[in-house]
């Protein structure tokens, strides 16, 4: 592996692993981190959740760098340090108390120091990660325009799998079929295989809010994550829509390959809100 690829991949792994550690730490807190009134956060919780929030924000900025077109190591170091100190999103901006602010600042400083230390003794290789890149705002707009041209999305709204105009050419599947806790569900695995049959290597992930991504199909996770999501690729000839309704719709050229590679697909059909 080239040194810049090693450094970029290692940075992504640091952010992924450390975020997971802090989420697990939060899950161990009593009463889900809430005070006795069930509304306010405990002081120990305030020192935890801002950390995984800022790690999320930093990762988004780090992944704006295309892993296949990385700058030389020193420029990459500068970019990583800049992301560490400056990356923000909806969850890291706005009013914050002293505890939350110190937690965010500490996590930023730890990442920057990690970058500086690993650069002094860079390993020859690291375990690779699947391709993932944060889209620019211009790319996001182009993709959304392309999707809306092809699929029944009205006035910039989000396509519902129960939309009568979409039902004739789409399957509405139970969202639970796409994930099983932290594991990929059978529908997700089948979607990846079906896209492979179609020769699709990468897809775009467009979210209701927050950043959008280009991702490797082998790492595609078409699930509702608090923000509804649209997934497609060049030409928007196929589409997945993960809805807050508990359904994930599959449309276009993906439908028949999905049925072929997943014989039990009918067992996962969405039955509505009952």
C-alpha atoms as a PDB file:
ATOM      1  CA  UNK A   1       0.000   0.000   0.000  1.00  0.00           C
ATOM      2  CA  UNK A   2       1.151   3.517  -0.748  1.00  0.00           C
ATOM      3  CA  UNK A   3       1.964   5.558   2.389  1.00  0.00           C
ATOM      4  CA  UNK A   4      -0.852   8.030   1.783  1.00  0.00           C
ATOM      5  CA  UNK A   5      -3.360   5.162   1.422  1.00  0.00           C
ATOM      6  CA  UNK A   6      -2.064   3.623   4.655  1.00  0.00           C
ATOM      7  CA  UNK A   7      -2.467   6.899   6.519  1.00  0.00           C
ATOM      8  CA  UNK A   8      -5.938   7.666   5.156  1.00  0.00           C
ATOM      9  CA  UNK A   9      -7.208   4.136   5.826  1.00  0.00           C
ATOM     10  CA  UNK A  10      -5.723   4.129   9.317  1.00  0.00           C
ATOM     11  CA  UNK A  11      -7.417   7.466  10.063  1.00  0.00           C
ATOM     12  CA  UNK A  12     -10.763   6.108   8.918  1.00  0.00           C
ATOM     13  CA  UNK A  13     -10.275   3.023  11.090  1.00  0.00           C
ATOM     14  CA  UNK A  14      -9.335   5.148  14.102  1.00  0.00           C
ATOM     15  CA  UNK A  15     -12.530   7.193  13.742  1.00  0.00           C
ATOM     16  CA  UNK A  16     -14.743   4.128  13.206  1.00  0.00           C
ATOM     17  CA  UNK A  17     -13.270   2.144  16.099  1.00  0.00           C
ATOM     18  CA  UNK A  18     -13.160   5.011  18.579  1.00  0.00           C
ATOM     19  CA  UNK A  19     -16.743   6.017  17.751  1.00  0.00           C
ATOM     20  CA  UNK A  20     -17.865   2.421  18.379  1.00  0.00           C
ATOM     21  CA  UNK A  21     -16.041   2.396  21.726  1.00  0.00           C
ATOM     22  CA  UNK A  22     -17.805   5.568  22.858  1.00  0.00           C
ATOM     23  CA  UNK A  23     -21.218   4.320  21.741  1.00  0.00           C
ATOM     24  CA  UNK A  24     -20.655   1.140  23.748  1.00  0.00           C
ATOM     25  CA  UNK A  25     -19.608   3.277  26.721  1.00  0.00           C
ATOM     26  CA  UNK A  26     -22.842   5.251  26.432  1.00  0.00           C
ATOM     27  CA  UNK A  27     -24.910   2.066  26.275  1.00  0.00           C
ATOM     28  CA  UNK A  28     -23.395   0.990  29.591  1.00  0.00           C
ATOM     29  CA  UNK A  29     -24.600   4.119  31.382  1.00  0.00           C
ATOM     30  CA  UNK A  30     -27.553   3.638  33.739  1.00  0.00           C
ATOM     31  CA  UNK A  31     -30.966   4.884  32.606  1.00  0.00           C
ATOM     32  CA  UNK A  32     -29.635   5.476  29.066  1.00  0.00           C
ATOM     33  CA  UNK A  33     -27.638   8.438  30.339  1.00  0.00           C
ATOM     34  CA  UNK A  34     -30.709  10.276  31.598  1.00  0.00           C
ATOM     35  CA  UNK A  35     -31.100  11.984  34.962  1.00  0.00           C
ATOM     36  CA  UNK A  36     -33.804  10.915  37.414  1.00  0.00           C
ATOM     37  CA  UNK A  37     -36.356  13.170  35.714  1.00  0.00           C
ATOM     38  CA  UNK A  38     -35.961  11.069  32.562  1.00  0.00           C
ATOM     39  CA  UNK A  39     -35.421  14.191  30.482  1.00  0.00           C
ATOM     40  CA  UNK A  40     -32.080  15.811  31.253  1.00  0.00           C
ATOM     41  CA  UNK A  41     -28.727  14.133  30.674  1.00  0.00           C
ATOM     42  CA  UNK A  42     -26.441  13.050  33.485  1.00  0.00           C
ATOM     43  CA  UNK A  43     -23.012  14.671  33.688  1.00  0.00           C
ATOM     44  CA  UNK A  44     -21.256  11.436  32.731  1.00  0.00           C
ATOM     45  CA  UNK A  45     -23.470  11.156  29.627  1.00  0.00           C
ATOM     46  CA  UNK A  46     -22.564  14.708  28.615  1.00  0.00           C
ATOM     47  CA  UNK A  47     -18.933  13.593  28.526  1.00  0.00           C
ATOM     48  CA  UNK A  48     -19.709  10.695  26.189  1.00  0.00           C
ATOM     49  CA  UNK A  49     -22.201  11.448  23.414  1.00  0.00           C
ATOM     50  CA  UNK A  50     -20.449  14.635  22.200  1.00  0.00           C
ATOM     51  CA  UNK A  51     -17.377  12.489  21.587  1.00  0.00           C
ATOM     52  CA  UNK A  52     -18.990  10.092  19.123  1.00  0.00           C
ATOM     53  CA  UNK A  53     -20.822  13.010  17.512  1.00  0.00           C
ATOM     54  CA  UNK A  54     -17.605  14.883  16.768  1.00  0.00           C
ATOM     55  CA  UNK A  55     -15.925  11.678  15.581  1.00  0.00           C
ATOM     56  CA  UNK A  56     -18.795  11.308  13.099  1.00  0.00           C
ATOM     57  CA  UNK A  57     -18.247  14.862  11.868  1.00  0.00           C
ATOM     58  CA  UNK A  58     -14.492  14.350  11.497  1.00  0.00           C
ATOM     59  CA  UNK A  59     -15.002  11.106   9.581  1.00  0.00           C
ATOM     60  CA  UNK A  60     -17.310  12.842   7.095  1.00  0.00           C
ATOM     61  CA  UNK A  61     -14.590  15.400   6.367  1.00  0.00           C
ATOM     62  CA  UNK A  62     -11.808  12.800   6.197  1.00  0.00           C
ATOM     63  CA  UNK A  63     -13.873  10.835   3.689  1.00  0.00           C
ATOM     64  CA  UNK A  64     -14.302  13.845   1.432  1.00  0.00           C
ATOM     65  CA  UNK A  65     -10.846  12.814   0.267  1.00  0.00           C
ATOM     66  CA  UNK A  66     -11.178  10.267  -2.510  1.00  0.00           C
ATOM     67  CA  UNK A  67      -9.179   7.193  -1.361  1.00  0.00           C
ATOM     68  CA  UNK A  68      -8.197   6.598  -4.989  1.00  0.00           C
ATOM     69  CA  UNK A  69      -6.913  10.153  -5.536  1.00  0.00           C
ATOM     70  CA  UNK A  70      -5.168  11.056  -2.300  1.00  0.00           C
ATOM     71  CA  UNK A  71      -2.618  13.878  -2.016  1.00  0.00           C
ATOM     72  CA  UNK A  72       0.985  13.218  -0.905  1.00  0.00           C
ATOM     73  CA  UNK A  73       1.488  12.314   2.739  1.00  0.00           C
ATOM     74  CA  UNK A  74       2.337  15.780   4.066  1.00  0.00           C
ATOM     75  CA  UNK A  75      -0.655  17.384   2.346  1.00  0.00           C
ATOM     76  CA  UNK A  76      -2.791  14.549   3.644  1.00  0.00           C
ATOM     77  CA  UNK A  77      -1.532  15.134   7.192  1.00  0.00           C
ATOM     78  CA  UNK A  78      -2.487  18.806   6.883  1.00  0.00           C
ATOM     79  CA  UNK A  79      -5.952  17.864   5.620  1.00  0.00           C
ATOM     80  CA  UNK A  80      -6.489  15.370   8.457  1.00  0.00           C
ATOM     81  CA  UNK A  81      -5.376  17.879  11.090  1.00  0.00           C
ATOM     82  CA  UNK A  82      -7.661  20.509   9.584  1.00  0.00           C
ATOM     83  CA  UNK A  83     -10.591  18.057   9.695  1.00  0.00           C
ATOM     84  CA  UNK A  84      -9.801  17.186  13.292  1.00  0.00           C
ATOM     85  CA  UNK A  85      -9.890  20.773  14.446  1.00  0.00           C
ATOM     86  CA  UNK A  86     -12.681  22.112  12.241  1.00  0.00           C
ATOM     87  CA  UNK A  87     -15.176  19.408  11.225  1.00  0.00           C
ATOM     88  CA  UNK A  88     -18.704  20.217  12.407  1.00  0.00           C
ATOM     89  CA  UNK A  89     -22.266  19.124  11.791  1.00  0.00           C
ATOM     90  CA  UNK A  90     -25.722  19.647  13.312  1.00  0.00           C
ATOM     91  CA  UNK A  91     -24.745  17.677  16.408  1.00  0.00           C
ATOM     92  CA  UNK A  92     -21.513  19.547  17.177  1.00  0.00           C
ATOM     93  CA  UNK A  93     -22.675  23.116  16.624  1.00  0.00           C
ATOM     94  CA  UNK A  94     -25.025  25.278  18.616  1.00  0.00           C
ATOM     95  CA  UNK A  95     -25.247  25.779  22.354  1.00  0.00           C
ATOM     96  CA  UNK A  96     -23.224  23.360  24.465  1.00  0.00           C
ATOM     97  CA  UNK A  97     -22.368  23.242  28.143  1.00  0.00           C
ATOM     98  CA  UNK A  98     -18.889  23.174  29.613  1.00  0.00           C
ATOM     99  CA  UNK A  99     -18.777  19.383  29.890  1.00  0.00           C
ATOM    100  CA  UNK A 100     -19.884  18.842  26.295  1.00  0.00           C
ATOM    101  CA  UNK A 101     -17.496  21.489  25.002  1.00  0.00           C
ATOM    102  CA  UNK A 102     -14.515  19.995  26.831  1.00  0.00           C
ATOM    103  CA  UNK A 103     -15.395  16.514  25.549  1.00  0.00           C
ATOM    104  CA  UNK A 104     -15.496  17.723  21.939  1.00  0.00           C
ATOM    105  CA  UNK A 105     -12.244  19.661  22.278  1.00  0.00           C
ATOM    106  CA  UNK A 106     -10.549  16.683  23.911  1.00  0.00           C
ATOM    107  CA  UNK A 107     -11.649  14.293  21.179  1.00  0.00           C
ATOM    108  CA  UNK A 108     -10.441  16.683  18.482  1.00  0.00           C
ATOM    109  CA  UNK A 109      -7.058  17.037  20.171  1.00  0.00           C
ATOM    110  CA  UNK A 110      -6.722  13.260  20.575  1.00  0.00           C
ATOM    111  CA  UNK A 111      -7.339  12.675  16.865  1.00  0.00           C
ATOM    112  CA  UNK A 112      -4.860  15.355  15.825  1.00  0.00           C
ATOM    113  CA  UNK A 113      -2.220  13.947  18.163  1.00  0.00           C
ATOM    114  CA  UNK A 114      -2.883  10.441  16.835  1.00  0.00           C
ATOM    115  CA  UNK A 115      -2.320  11.701  13.267  1.00  0.00           C
ATOM    116  CA  UNK A 116       0.975  13.301  14.239  1.00  0.00           C
ATOM    117  CA  UNK A 117       2.192  10.227  16.095  1.00  0.00           C
ATOM    118  CA  UNK A 118       1.310   7.641  13.449  1.00  0.00           C
ATOM    119  CA  UNK A 119       2.980   9.786  10.788  1.00  0.00           C
ATOM    120  CA  UNK A 120       6.276   9.498  12.663  1.00  0.00           C
ATOM    121  CA  UNK A 121       6.198   5.696  12.339  1.00  0.00           C
ATOM    122  CA  UNK A 122       3.789   4.837   9.555  1.00  0.00           C
ATOM    123  CA  UNK A 123       3.121   1.090   9.135  1.00  0.00           C
ATOM    124  CA  UNK A 124       3.715  -0.580   5.784  1.00  0.00           C
ATOM    125  CA  UNK A 125       0.064  -1.543   5.453  1.00  0.00           C
ATOM    126  CA  UNK A 126      -3.285  -1.626   7.253  1.00  0.00           C
ATOM    127  CA  UNK A 127      -6.403  -3.732   6.822  1.00  0.00           C
ATOM    128  CA  UNK A 128      -8.249  -2.177   3.858  1.00  0.00           C
ATOM    129  CA  UNK A 129     -11.678  -0.575   4.114  1.00  0.00           C
ATOM    130  CA  UNK A 130     -14.444  -0.528   1.522  1.00  0.00           C
ATOM    131  CA  UNK A 131     -14.608   2.528  -0.722  1.00  0.00           C
ATOM    132  CA  UNK A 132     -16.606   5.369   0.807  1.00  0.00           C
ATOM    133  CA  UNK A 133     -16.489   9.037  -0.175  1.00  0.00           C
ATOM    134  CA  UNK A 134     -18.509  12.034   0.993  1.00  0.00           C
ATOM    135  CA  UNK A 135     -20.154  13.753  -1.970  1.00  0.00           C
ATOM    136  CA  UNK A 136     -19.735  17.445  -2.653  1.00  0.00           C
ATOM    137  CA  UNK A 137     -22.852  19.620  -2.542  1.00  0.00           C
ATOM    138  CA  UNK A 138     -22.729  19.895  -6.337  1.00  0.00           C
ATOM    139  CA  UNK A 139     -22.632  16.114  -6.719  1.00  0.00           C
ATOM    140  CA  UNK A 140     -25.518  15.683  -4.290  1.00  0.00           C
ATOM    141  CA  UNK A 141     -27.644  18.166  -6.228  1.00  0.00           C
ATOM    142  CA  UNK A 142     -26.891  16.432  -9.523  1.00  0.00           C
ATOM    143  CA  UNK A 143     -27.830  13.038  -8.139  1.00  0.00           C
ATOM    144  CA  UNK A 144     -31.050  14.288  -6.562  1.00  0.00           C
ATOM    145  CA  UNK A 145     -32.045  15.931  -9.829  1.00  0.00           C
ATOM    146  CA  UNK A 146     -31.380  12.704 -11.707  1.00  0.00           C
ATOM    147  CA  UNK A 147     -33.407  10.641  -9.224  1.00  0.00           C
ATOM    148  CA  UNK A 148     -36.361  13.043  -9.288  1.00  0.00           C
ATOM    149  CA  UNK A 149     -36.389  12.930 -13.077  1.00  0.00           C
ATOM    150  CA  UNK A 150     -36.833   9.159 -13.036  1.00  0.00           C
ATOM    151  CA  UNK A 151     -38.823   8.355  -9.901  1.00  0.00           C
ATOM    152  CA  UNK A 152     -42.187   9.548  -8.481  1.00  0.00           C
ATOM    153  CA  UNK A 153     -40.968  12.187  -6.062  1.00  0.00           C
ATOM    154  CA  UNK A 154     -43.293  15.162  -5.866  1.00  0.00           C
ATOM    155  CA  UNK A 155     -42.160  18.718  -5.145  1.00  0.00           C
ATOM    156  CA  UNK A 156     -38.811  17.635  -3.745  1.00  0.00           C
ATOM    157  CA  UNK A 157     -40.479  15.337  -1.216  1.00  0.00           C
ATOM    158  CA  UNK A 158     -39.452  11.786  -0.439  1.00  0.00           C
ATOM    159  CA  UNK A 159     -40.819   8.826  -2.364  1.00  0.00           C
ATOM    160  CA  UNK A 160     -43.025   6.660  -0.195  1.00  0.00           C
ATOM    161  CA  UNK A 161     -43.052   2.910  -0.909  1.00  0.00           C
ATOM    162  CA  UNK A 162     -46.842   3.009  -0.593  1.00  0.00           C
ATOM    163  CA  UNK A 163     -47.104   5.585  -3.398  1.00  0.00           C
ATOM    164  CA  UNK A 164     -49.688   4.198  -5.824  1.00  0.00           C
ATOM    165  CA  UNK A 165     -47.690   5.382  -8.852  1.00  0.00           C
ATOM    166  CA  UNK A 166     -44.636   3.449  -7.655  1.00  0.00           C
ATOM    167  CA  UNK A 167     -46.276   0.173  -6.657  1.00  0.00           C
ATOM    168  CA  UNK A 168     -46.529  -1.241 -10.159  1.00  0.00           C
ATOM    169  CA  UNK A 169     -42.755  -1.285 -10.606  1.00  0.00           C
ATOM    170  CA  UNK A 170     -41.519  -1.656  -7.037  1.00  0.00           C
ATOM    171  CA  UNK A 171     -41.420  -4.031  -4.103  1.00  0.00           C
ATOM    172  CA  UNK A 172     -42.114  -2.687  -0.630  1.00  0.00           C
ATOM    173  CA  UNK A 173     -40.155  -4.836   1.821  1.00  0.00           C
ATOM    174  CA  UNK A 174     -40.116  -4.831   5.605  1.00  0.00           C
ATOM    175  CA  UNK A 175     -37.251  -2.635   6.776  1.00  0.00           C
ATOM    176  CA  UNK A 176     -36.314  -5.237   9.414  1.00  0.00           C
ATOM    177  CA  UNK A 177     -35.277  -7.602   6.617  1.00  0.00           C
ATOM    178  CA  UNK A 178     -32.354  -5.291   5.850  1.00  0.00           C
ATOM    179  CA  UNK A 179     -30.747  -5.381   9.285  1.00  0.00           C
ATOM    180  CA  UNK A 180     -30.659  -7.657  12.299  1.00  0.00           C
ATOM    181  CA  UNK A 181     -29.254  -5.652  15.156  1.00  0.00           C
ATOM    182  CA  UNK A 182     -25.709  -4.784  14.138  1.00  0.00           C
ATOM    183  CA  UNK A 183     -25.689  -7.451  11.429  1.00  0.00           C
ATOM    184  CA  UNK A 184     -26.698  -7.180   7.783  1.00  0.00           C
ATOM    185  CA  UNK A 185     -30.100  -8.711   7.155  1.00  0.00           C
ATOM    186  CA  UNK A 186     -30.931 -11.146   4.338  1.00  0.00           C
ATOM    187  CA  UNK A 187     -32.382  -8.376   2.192  1.00  0.00           C
ATOM    188  CA  UNK A 188     -29.175  -6.347   2.363  1.00  0.00           C
ATOM    189  CA  UNK A 189     -27.067  -9.358   1.427  1.00  0.00           C
ATOM    190  CA  UNK A 190     -29.416 -10.160  -1.466  1.00  0.00           C
ATOM    191  CA  UNK A 191     -29.348  -6.563  -2.716  1.00  0.00           C
ATOM    192  CA  UNK A 192     -25.550  -6.646  -2.848  1.00  0.00           C
ATOM    193  CA  UNK A 193     -25.577  -9.911  -4.796  1.00  0.00           C
ATOM    194  CA  UNK A 194     -28.234  -8.612  -7.204  1.00  0.00           C
ATOM    195  CA  UNK A 195     -26.327  -5.404  -7.840  1.00  0.00           C
ATOM    196  CA  UNK A 196     -23.237  -7.495  -8.493  1.00  0.00           C
ATOM    197  CA  UNK A 197     -25.203  -9.368 -11.164  1.00  0.00           C
ATOM    198  CA  UNK A 198     -26.059  -6.002 -12.717  1.00  0.00           C
ATOM    199  CA  UNK A 199     -22.373  -5.082 -12.757  1.00  0.00           C
ATOM    200  CA  UNK A 200     -22.818  -2.245 -10.245  1.00  0.00           C
ATOM    201  CA  UNK A 201     -19.671  -1.673  -8.185  1.00  0.00           C
ATOM    202  CA  UNK A 202     -20.604   1.564  -6.436  1.00  0.00           C
ATOM    203  CA  UNK A 203     -23.786   3.285  -5.416  1.00  0.00           C
ATOM    204  CA  UNK A 204     -24.763   6.656  -4.033  1.00  0.00           C
ATOM    205  CA  UNK A 205     -26.489   7.126  -0.680  1.00  0.00           C
ATOM    206  CA  UNK A 206     -28.666  10.255  -0.515  1.00  0.00           C
ATOM    207  CA  UNK A 207     -30.103  11.102   2.877  1.00  0.00           C
ATOM    208  CA  UNK A 208     -33.058  13.202   3.984  1.00  0.00           C
ATOM    209  CA  UNK A 209     -30.569  15.373   5.848  1.00  0.00           C
ATOM    210  CA  UNK A 210     -26.847  15.283   6.509  1.00  0.00           C
ATOM    211  CA  UNK A 211     -24.075  14.248   4.115  1.00  0.00           C
ATOM    212  CA  UNK A 212     -24.457  12.029   1.060  1.00  0.00           C
ATOM    213  CA  UNK A 213     -21.956   9.347   0.014  1.00  0.00           C
ATOM    214  CA  UNK A 214     -20.597   7.225  -2.789  1.00  0.00           C
ATOM    215  CA  UNK A 215     -20.037   3.729  -1.409  1.00  0.00           C
ATOM    216  CA  UNK A 216     -18.850   0.316  -2.561  1.00  0.00           C
ATOM    217  CA  UNK A 217     -21.777  -2.026  -3.182  1.00  0.00           C
ATOM    218  CA  UNK A 218     -20.142  -4.602  -0.892  1.00  0.00           C
ATOM    219  CA  UNK A 219     -20.580  -2.107   1.944  1.00  0.00           C
ATOM    220  CA  UNK A 220     -24.002  -0.767   0.958  1.00  0.00           C
ATOM    221  CA  UNK A 221     -26.414  -0.571   3.904  1.00  0.00           C
ATOM    222  CA  UNK A 222     -29.841   0.559   2.632  1.00  0.00           C
ATOM    223  CA  UNK A 223     -31.491   1.085   6.005  1.00  0.00           C
ATOM    224  CA  UNK A 224     -33.401   3.873   7.716  1.00  0.00           C
ATOM    225  CA  UNK A 225     -30.958   5.436  10.192  1.00  0.00           C
ATOM    226  CA  UNK A 226     -33.119   8.273  11.499  1.00  0.00           C
ATOM    227  CA  UNK A 227     -32.948   9.957   8.092  1.00  0.00           C
ATOM    228  CA  UNK A 228     -34.762   8.490   5.107  1.00  0.00           C
ATOM    229  CA  UNK A 229     -32.400   7.326   2.391  1.00  0.00           C
ATOM    230  CA  UNK A 230     -32.311   6.858  -1.371  1.00  0.00           C
ATOM    231  CA  UNK A 231     -29.755   4.533  -2.978  1.00  0.00           C
ATOM    232  CA  UNK A 232     -29.016   4.288  -6.710  1.00  0.00           C
ATOM    233  CA  UNK A 233     -26.234   4.428  -9.313  1.00  0.00           C
ATOM    234  CA  UNK A 234     -25.543   5.897 -12.754  1.00  0.00           C
ATOM    235  CA  UNK A 235     -28.719   6.427 -14.743  1.00  0.00           C
ATOM    236  CA  UNK A 236     -30.958   5.886 -11.685  1.00  0.00           C
ATOM    237  CA  UNK A 237     -32.337   2.789 -13.399  1.00  0.00           C
ATOM    238  CA  UNK A 238     -32.740   1.105 -10.027  1.00  0.00           C
ATOM    239  CA  UNK A 239     -33.566   2.597  -6.667  1.00  0.00           C
ATOM    240  CA  UNK A 240     -33.869   1.682  -3.012  1.00  0.00           C
ATOM    241  CA  UNK A 241     -35.789   3.890  -0.615  1.00  0.00           C
ATOM    242  CA  UNK A 242     -35.470   3.337   3.144  1.00  0.00           C
ATOM    243  CA  UNK A 243     -38.477   4.961   4.764  1.00  0.00           C
ATOM    244  CA  UNK A 244     -39.444   5.968   8.281  1.00  0.00           C
ATOM    245  CA  UNK A 245     -42.606   3.926   7.683  1.00  0.00           C
ATOM    246  CA  UNK A 246     -40.676   0.731   8.440  1.00  0.00           C
ATOM    247  CA  UNK A 247     -40.504  -0.201   4.770  1.00  0.00           C
ATOM    248  CA  UNK A 248     -37.706  -0.223   2.224  1.00  0.00           C
ATOM    249  CA  UNK A 249     -38.815  -0.028  -1.402  1.00  0.00           C
ATOM    250  CA  UNK A 250     -36.944  -1.653  -4.284  1.00  0.00           C
ATOM    251  CA  UNK A 251     -37.595  -0.388  -7.788  1.00  0.00           C
ATOM    252  CA  UNK A 252     -36.467  -0.525 -11.399  1.00  0.00           C
ATOM    253  CA  UNK A 253     -33.908  -2.931 -12.830  1.00  0.00           C
ATOM    254  CA  UNK A 254     -33.013  -4.259  -9.366  1.00  0.00           C
ATOM    255  CA  UNK A 255     -36.364  -5.977  -8.775  1.00  0.00           C
ATOM    256  CA  UNK A 256     -35.963  -9.086 -10.936  1.00  0.00           C
ATOM    257  CA  UNK A 257     -32.313  -9.843 -10.015  1.00  0.00           C
ATOM    258  CA  UNK A 258     -33.248  -9.454  -6.346  1.00  0.00           C
ATOM    259  CA  UNK A 259     -36.057 -11.987  -6.687  1.00  0.00           C
ATOM    260  CA  UNK A 260     -33.721 -14.353  -8.503  1.00  0.00           C
ATOM    261  CA  UNK A 261     -30.931 -14.334  -5.897  1.00  0.00           C
ATOM    262  CA  UNK A 262     -33.323 -14.305  -2.915  1.00  0.00           C
ATOM    263  CA  UNK A 263     -36.040 -16.947  -3.398  1.00  0.00           C
ATOM    264  CA  UNK A 264     -37.736 -16.128  -0.067  1.00  0.00           C
ATOM    265  CA  UNK A 265     -38.208 -12.432  -0.873  1.00  0.00           C
ATOM    266  CA  UNK A 266     -42.004 -12.682  -0.651  1.00  0.00           C
ATOM    267  CA  UNK A 267     -41.737 -13.548   3.050  1.00  0.00           C
ATOM    268  CA  UNK A 268     -40.338 -10.067   3.652  1.00  0.00           C
ATOM    269  CA  UNK A 269     -43.056  -8.075   1.881  1.00  0.00           C
ATOM    270  CA  UNK A 270     -44.179  -5.024   3.837  1.00  0.00           C
ATOM    271  CA  UNK A 271     -47.738  -5.428   5.100  1.00  0.00           C
ATOM    272  CA  UNK A 272     -48.365  -1.876   6.227  1.00  0.00           C
ATOM    273  CA  UNK A 273     -48.694  -0.445   9.708  1.00  0.00           C
ATOM    274  CA  UNK A 274     -50.652  -3.346  11.224  1.00  0.00           C
END
